Amino acid sequence: MSSLIIFLPAVDPGRDEMGNLIPGSFTALILFLLVVNILLNLPVDILSSYAAFRIGRGLGLRSAWLAWIPGGSLWVMGCIADDYQKLVKGRKSYLRWILPLNVVWAVFLWIITTTEGASVETILALADRFLLIPVLLSIGGIVAAYIALYRVYRYSVKEYAVVFTVIGVVYGVPTPFFLLRAAKDW
């Protein structure tokens, strides 16, 4: 049997020859990933914002224009989902206030990871102490977003609501196109 030998660099990325962290390397990586994420998600966000605006305007939502503001589209989607919940179940829902907290949470995490002087060791020490809190908040935000999407789909394309939601959970790229399909009726 032959063995596979993997050659690893002698110096880890972000560290010098002595093993010390290079200042700013972690921040540069986070900023690079942020820029790539923004460029890849821009078309998705524009389509989703248009669909949320169109559905909100069709429902007579006065603040439907907020869909064009990053984070505001979450509020509009929450309003649409809350209206559906009130119409069908007759009770209030608070997704319009819960969904924008995802943006606040993301900004908070970004500030912590890019703060001047924040080293990888500091961030990992915070993660060791408070790991459960960010994980639970992130999962809660994701679940709330998918609940809102399901309610929006139920509002206009009832027969496809479950299929659209499951496909959106498994493979999120078609979600704006599903929202455009739901907005077609408005």
C-alpha atoms as a PDB file:
ATOM      1  CA  MET A   1       0.000   0.000   0.000  1.00  0.00           C
ATOM      2  CA  SER A   2       1.231   3.457  -0.792  1.00  0.00           C
ATOM      3  CA  SER A   3       0.966   6.251   1.681  1.00  0.00           C
ATOM      4  CA  LEU A   4      -0.146   9.751   0.895  1.00  0.00           C
ATOM      5  CA  ILE A   5       2.155  12.423   2.226  1.00  0.00           C
ATOM      6  CA  ILE A   6       0.649  15.846   2.707  1.00  0.00           C
ATOM      7  CA  PHE A   7       3.073  18.710   2.898  1.00  0.00           C
ATOM      8  CA  LEU A   8       1.896  21.485   5.193  1.00  0.00           C
ATOM      9  CA  PRO A   9       3.565  24.878   5.301  1.00  0.00           C
ATOM     10  CA  ALA A  10       5.996  25.343   8.160  1.00  0.00           C
ATOM     11  CA  VAL A  11       4.255  28.568   9.164  1.00  0.00           C
ATOM     12  CA  ASP A  12       0.498  28.809   9.678  1.00  0.00           C
ATOM     13  CA  PRO A  13      -1.267  31.611   7.794  1.00  0.00           C
ATOM     14  CA  GLY A  14      -1.622  34.592  10.084  1.00  0.00           C
ATOM     15  CA  ARG A  15       1.421  33.626  12.167  1.00  0.00           C
ATOM     16  CA  ASP A  16       5.088  34.492  11.825  1.00  0.00           C
ATOM     17  CA  GLU A  17       8.050  32.105  12.067  1.00  0.00           C
ATOM     18  CA  MET A  18       7.982  32.229  15.875  1.00  0.00           C
ATOM     19  CA  GLY A  19       4.302  31.272  16.017  1.00  0.00           C
ATOM     20  CA  ASN A  20       3.115  34.737  17.058  1.00  0.00           C
ATOM     21  CA  LEU A  21      -0.021  36.132  15.498  1.00  0.00           C
ATOM     22  CA  ILE A  22       0.497  38.740  12.802  1.00  0.00           C
ATOM     23  CA  PRO A  23      -1.524  41.830  13.799  1.00  0.00           C
ATOM     24  CA  GLY A  24      -4.579  42.336  11.653  1.00  0.00           C
ATOM     25  CA  SER A  25      -4.440  38.998   9.831  1.00  0.00           C
ATOM     26  CA  PHE A  26      -7.664  37.714  11.410  1.00  0.00           C
ATOM     27  CA  THR A  27      -9.390  41.036  10.801  1.00  0.00           C
ATOM     28  CA  ALA A  28      -8.228  41.008   7.180  1.00  0.00           C
ATOM     29  CA  LEU A  29      -9.622  37.506   6.723  1.00  0.00           C
ATOM     30  CA  ILE A  30     -12.971  38.486   8.238  1.00  0.00           C
ATOM     31  CA  LEU A  31     -13.163  41.610   6.048  1.00  0.00           C
ATOM     32  CA  PHE A  32     -12.263  39.617   2.930  1.00  0.00           C
ATOM     33  CA  LEU A  33     -14.982  37.059   3.676  1.00  0.00           C
ATOM     34  CA  LEU A  34     -17.426  39.904   4.345  1.00  0.00           C
ATOM     35  CA  VAL A  35     -16.710  41.496   0.957  1.00  0.00           C
ATOM     36  CA  VAL A  36     -17.065  38.159  -0.861  1.00  0.00           C
ATOM     37  CA  ASN A  37     -20.308  37.486   1.003  1.00  0.00           C
ATOM     38  CA  ILE A  38     -21.710  40.888   0.067  1.00  0.00           C
ATOM     39  CA  LEU A  39     -20.820  40.449  -3.612  1.00  0.00           C
ATOM     40  CA  LEU A  40     -22.385  36.996  -3.785  1.00  0.00           C
ATOM     41  CA  ASN A  41     -25.515  37.938  -1.853  1.00  0.00           C
ATOM     42  CA  LEU A  42     -26.222  41.272  -3.540  1.00  0.00           C
ATOM     43  CA  PRO A  43     -28.369  39.878  -6.391  1.00  0.00           C
ATOM     44  CA  VAL A  44     -30.233  37.612  -3.957  1.00  0.00           C
ATOM     45  CA  ASP A  45     -30.925  40.545  -1.640  1.00  0.00           C
ATOM     46  CA  ILE A  46     -32.148  42.760  -4.478  1.00  0.00           C
ATOM     47  CA  LEU A  47     -34.593  40.113  -5.722  1.00  0.00           C
ATOM     48  CA  SER A  48     -35.802  39.347  -2.193  1.00  0.00           C
ATOM     49  CA  SER A  49     -36.249  43.049  -1.434  1.00  0.00           C
ATOM     50  CA  TYR A  50     -38.256  43.557  -4.615  1.00  0.00           C
ATOM     51  CA  ALA A  51     -40.501  40.599  -3.779  1.00  0.00           C
ATOM     52  CA  ALA A  52     -41.008  41.758  -0.170  1.00  0.00           C
ATOM     53  CA  PHE A  53     -41.783  45.284  -1.389  1.00  0.00           C
ATOM     54  CA  ARG A  54     -44.277  44.023  -3.923  1.00  0.00           C
ATOM     55  CA  ILE A  55     -46.072  41.738  -1.462  1.00  0.00           C
ATOM     56  CA  GLY A  56     -46.089  44.414   1.244  1.00  0.00           C
ATOM     57  CA  ARG A  57     -47.426  47.016  -1.152  1.00  0.00           C
ATOM     58  CA  GLY A  58     -50.097  44.563  -2.344  1.00  0.00           C
ATOM     59  CA  LEU A  59     -51.208  44.035   1.253  1.00  0.00           C
ATOM     60  CA  GLY A  60     -51.395  47.785   1.826  1.00  0.00           C
ATOM     61  CA  LEU A  61     -48.423  47.911   4.173  1.00  0.00           C
ATOM     62  CA  ARG A  62     -47.497  51.586   4.536  1.00  0.00           C
ATOM     63  CA  SER A  63     -43.867  50.821   5.277  1.00  0.00           C
ATOM     64  CA  ALA A  64     -43.309  48.434   2.364  1.00  0.00           C
ATOM     65  CA  TRP A  65     -40.556  50.771   1.107  1.00  0.00           C
ATOM     66  CA  LEU A  66     -38.391  49.561   4.026  1.00  0.00           C
ATOM     67  CA  ALA A  67     -37.800  46.372   2.021  1.00  0.00           C
ATOM     68  CA  TRP A  68     -35.155  48.283   0.044  1.00  0.00           C
ATOM     69  CA  ILE A  69     -33.102  48.996   3.178  1.00  0.00           C
ATOM     70  CA  PRO A  70     -30.778  46.182   4.290  1.00  0.00           C
ATOM     71  CA  GLY A  71     -32.390  44.668   7.364  1.00  0.00           C
ATOM     72  CA  GLY A  72     -35.619  46.502   6.653  1.00  0.00           C
ATOM     73  CA  SER A  73     -36.714  43.721   4.343  1.00  0.00           C
ATOM     74  CA  LEU A  74     -36.668  41.419   7.370  1.00  0.00           C
ATOM     75  CA  TRP A  75     -39.062  43.785   9.108  1.00  0.00           C
ATOM     76  CA  VAL A  76     -41.358  43.845   6.068  1.00  0.00           C
ATOM     77  CA  MET A  77     -41.301  40.038   5.832  1.00  0.00           C
ATOM     78  CA  GLY A  78     -42.107  39.896   9.548  1.00  0.00           C
ATOM     79  CA  CYS A  79     -45.049  42.260   9.024  1.00  0.00           C
ATOM     80  CA  ILE A  80     -46.380  40.087   6.201  1.00  0.00           C
ATOM     81  CA  ALA A  81     -45.982  36.939   8.323  1.00  0.00           C
ATOM     82  CA  ASP A  82     -47.665  38.652  11.301  1.00  0.00           C
ATOM     83  CA  ASP A  83     -50.589  39.751   9.118  1.00  0.00           C
ATOM     84  CA  TYR A  84     -51.018  36.184   7.910  1.00  0.00           C
ATOM     85  CA  GLN A  85     -50.925  34.865  11.481  1.00  0.00           C
ATOM     86  CA  LYS A  86     -53.527  37.436  12.564  1.00  0.00           C
ATOM     87  CA  LEU A  87     -55.742  36.646   9.581  1.00  0.00           C
ATOM     88  CA  VAL A  88     -55.602  32.854   9.911  1.00  0.00           C
ATOM     89  CA  LYS A  89     -55.188  32.243  13.642  1.00  0.00           C
ATOM     90  CA  GLY A  90     -56.638  35.480  14.987  1.00  0.00           C
ATOM     91  CA  ARG A  91     -53.706  36.100  17.307  1.00  0.00           C
ATOM     92  CA  LYS A  92     -50.729  38.393  17.302  1.00  0.00           C
ATOM     93  CA  SER A  93     -47.267  37.341  16.294  1.00  0.00           C
ATOM     94  CA  TYR A  94     -44.082  39.304  16.852  1.00  0.00           C
ATOM     95  CA  LEU A  95     -41.919  38.244  13.928  1.00  0.00           C
ATOM     96  CA  ARG A  96     -41.740  41.857  12.722  1.00  0.00           C
ATOM     97  CA  TRP A  97     -39.681  42.621  15.826  1.00  0.00           C
ATOM     98  CA  ILE A  98     -37.786  39.330  16.083  1.00  0.00           C
ATOM     99  CA  LEU A  99     -36.409  39.174  12.514  1.00  0.00           C
ATOM    100  CA  PRO A 100     -34.545  42.529  12.567  1.00  0.00           C
ATOM    101  CA  LEU A 101     -32.710  41.308  15.671  1.00  0.00           C
ATOM    102  CA  ASN A 102     -30.756  39.048  13.289  1.00  0.00           C
ATOM    103  CA  VAL A 103     -29.171  42.174  11.802  1.00  0.00           C
ATOM    104  CA  VAL A 104     -28.391  43.602  15.236  1.00  0.00           C
ATOM    105  CA  TRP A 105     -26.814  40.288  16.221  1.00  0.00           C
ATOM    106  CA  ALA A 106     -24.712  40.154  13.037  1.00  0.00           C
ATOM    107  CA  VAL A 107     -23.465  43.727  13.562  1.00  0.00           C
ATOM    108  CA  PHE A 108     -22.593  42.910  17.167  1.00  0.00           C
ATOM    109  CA  LEU A 109     -20.579  39.860  16.100  1.00  0.00           C
ATOM    110  CA  TRP A 110     -18.856  41.874  13.380  1.00  0.00           C
ATOM    111  CA  ILE A 111     -17.862  44.581  15.881  1.00  0.00           C
ATOM    112  CA  ILE A 112     -16.458  41.991  18.284  1.00  0.00           C
ATOM    113  CA  THR A 113     -14.404  40.234  15.615  1.00  0.00           C
ATOM    114  CA  THR A 114     -13.034  43.351  13.938  1.00  0.00           C
ATOM    115  CA  THR A 115     -12.312  45.512  16.975  1.00  0.00           C
ATOM    116  CA  GLU A 116      -8.837  46.981  17.027  1.00  0.00           C
ATOM    117  CA  GLY A 117      -6.673  44.765  19.150  1.00  0.00           C
ATOM    118  CA  ALA A 118      -9.048  41.818  19.133  1.00  0.00           C
ATOM    119  CA  SER A 119      -6.842  38.801  18.687  1.00  0.00           C
ATOM    120  CA  VAL A 120      -7.800  35.279  17.774  1.00  0.00           C
ATOM    121  CA  GLU A 121      -7.043  34.233  21.359  1.00  0.00           C
ATOM    122  CA  THR A 122      -9.426  36.870  22.739  1.00  0.00           C
ATOM    123  CA  ILE A 123     -12.217  35.850  20.392  1.00  0.00           C
ATOM    124  CA  LEU A 124     -11.685  32.155  21.149  1.00  0.00           C
ATOM    125  CA  ALA A 125     -11.667  32.880  24.890  1.00  0.00           C
ATOM    126  CA  LEU A 126     -15.020  34.668  24.517  1.00  0.00           C
ATOM    127  CA  ALA A 127     -16.344  31.751  22.465  1.00  0.00           C
ATOM    128  CA  ASP A 128     -15.251  29.286  25.161  1.00  0.00           C
ATOM    129  CA  ARG A 129     -17.105  31.213  27.838  1.00  0.00           C
ATOM    130  CA  PHE A 130     -20.222  32.198  25.932  1.00  0.00           C
ATOM    131  CA  LEU A 131     -20.479  29.632  23.134  1.00  0.00           C
ATOM    132  CA  LEU A 132     -24.012  28.516  23.893  1.00  0.00           C
ATOM    133  CA  ILE A 133     -25.532  32.017  23.767  1.00  0.00           C
ATOM    134  CA  PRO A 134     -24.475  32.918  20.184  1.00  0.00           C
ATOM    135  CA  VAL A 135     -25.354  29.455  18.925  1.00  0.00           C
ATOM    136  CA  LEU A 136     -28.856  29.616  20.428  1.00  0.00           C
ATOM    137  CA  LEU A 137     -29.438  33.170  19.196  1.00  0.00           C
ATOM    138  CA  SER A 138     -28.299  32.253  15.689  1.00  0.00           C
ATOM    139  CA  ILE A 139     -30.474  29.145  15.553  1.00  0.00           C
ATOM    140  CA  GLY A 140     -33.453  31.082  16.903  1.00  0.00           C
ATOM    141  CA  GLY A 141     -33.003  33.785  14.272  1.00  0.00           C
ATOM    142  CA  ILE A 142     -32.780  31.236  11.470  1.00  0.00           C
ATOM    143  CA  VAL A 143     -35.881  29.375  12.679  1.00  0.00           C
ATOM    144  CA  ALA A 144     -37.827  32.649  12.954  1.00  0.00           C
ATOM    145  CA  ALA A 145     -36.790  33.593   9.401  1.00  0.00           C
ATOM    146  CA  TYR A 146     -38.013  30.284   7.995  1.00  0.00           C
ATOM    147  CA  ILE A 147     -41.273  30.527   9.929  1.00  0.00           C
ATOM    148  CA  ALA A 148     -41.799  33.966   8.395  1.00  0.00           C
ATOM    149  CA  LEU A 149     -40.987  32.660   4.906  1.00  0.00           C
ATOM    150  CA  TYR A 150     -43.445  29.794   5.345  1.00  0.00           C
ATOM    151  CA  ARG A 151     -46.190  32.220   6.371  1.00  0.00           C
ATOM    152  CA  VAL A 152     -45.445  34.493   3.416  1.00  0.00           C
ATOM    153  CA  TYR A 153     -45.669  31.517   1.056  1.00  0.00           C
ATOM    154  CA  ARG A 154     -48.929  30.385   2.705  1.00  0.00           C
ATOM    155  CA  TYR A 155     -50.363  33.843   2.104  1.00  0.00           C
ATOM    156  CA  SER A 156     -50.177  33.585  -1.685  1.00  0.00           C
ATOM    157  CA  VAL A 157     -48.992  30.163  -2.922  1.00  0.00           C
ATOM    158  CA  LYS A 158     -50.613  27.838  -0.395  1.00  0.00           C
ATOM    159  CA  GLU A 159     -50.113  24.674  -2.420  1.00  0.00           C
ATOM    160  CA  TYR A 160     -46.336  25.184  -2.632  1.00  0.00           C
ATOM    161  CA  ALA A 161     -45.612  26.668   0.809  1.00  0.00           C
ATOM    162  CA  VAL A 162     -44.116  23.526   2.341  1.00  0.00           C
ATOM    163  CA  VAL A 163     -42.114  22.655  -0.779  1.00  0.00           C
ATOM    164  CA  PHE A 164     -40.723  26.187  -1.120  1.00  0.00           C
ATOM    165  CA  THR A 165     -39.789  26.311   2.566  1.00  0.00           C
ATOM    166  CA  VAL A 166     -38.049  22.921   2.583  1.00  0.00           C
ATOM    167  CA  ILE A 167     -36.105  23.701  -0.588  1.00  0.00           C
ATOM    168  CA  GLY A 168     -35.170  27.072   0.904  1.00  0.00           C
ATOM    169  CA  VAL A 169     -33.849  25.390   4.048  1.00  0.00           C
ATOM    170  CA  VAL A 170     -31.847  22.775   2.159  1.00  0.00           C
ATOM    171  CA  TYR A 171     -30.653  24.958  -0.699  1.00  0.00           C
ATOM    172  CA  GLY A 172     -31.281  28.673  -0.158  1.00  0.00           C
ATOM    173  CA  VAL A 173     -30.433  30.023  -3.618  1.00  0.00           C
ATOM    174  CA  PRO A 174     -33.975  29.631  -5.087  1.00  0.00           C
ATOM    175  CA  THR A 175     -35.617  31.492  -2.174  1.00  0.00           C
ATOM    176  CA  PRO A 176     -35.776  34.903  -3.941  1.00  0.00           C
ATOM    177  CA  PHE A 177     -37.335  33.230  -6.982  1.00  0.00           C
ATOM    178  CA  PHE A 178     -39.921  31.582  -4.748  1.00  0.00           C
ATOM    179  CA  LEU A 179     -40.630  34.985  -3.214  1.00  0.00           C
ATOM    180  CA  LEU A 180     -41.004  36.462  -6.700  1.00  0.00           C
ATOM    181  CA  ARG A 181     -43.488  33.697  -7.481  1.00  0.00           C
ATOM    182  CA  ALA A 182     -45.391  34.566  -4.310  1.00  0.00           C
ATOM    183  CA  ALA A 183     -45.261  38.273  -5.222  1.00  0.00           C
ATOM    184  CA  LYS A 184     -46.697  37.553  -8.675  1.00  0.00           C
ATOM    185  CA  ASP A 185     -50.192  37.392  -7.186  1.00  0.00           C
ATOM    186  CA  TRP A 186     -49.945  40.858  -5.692  1.00  0.00           C
END
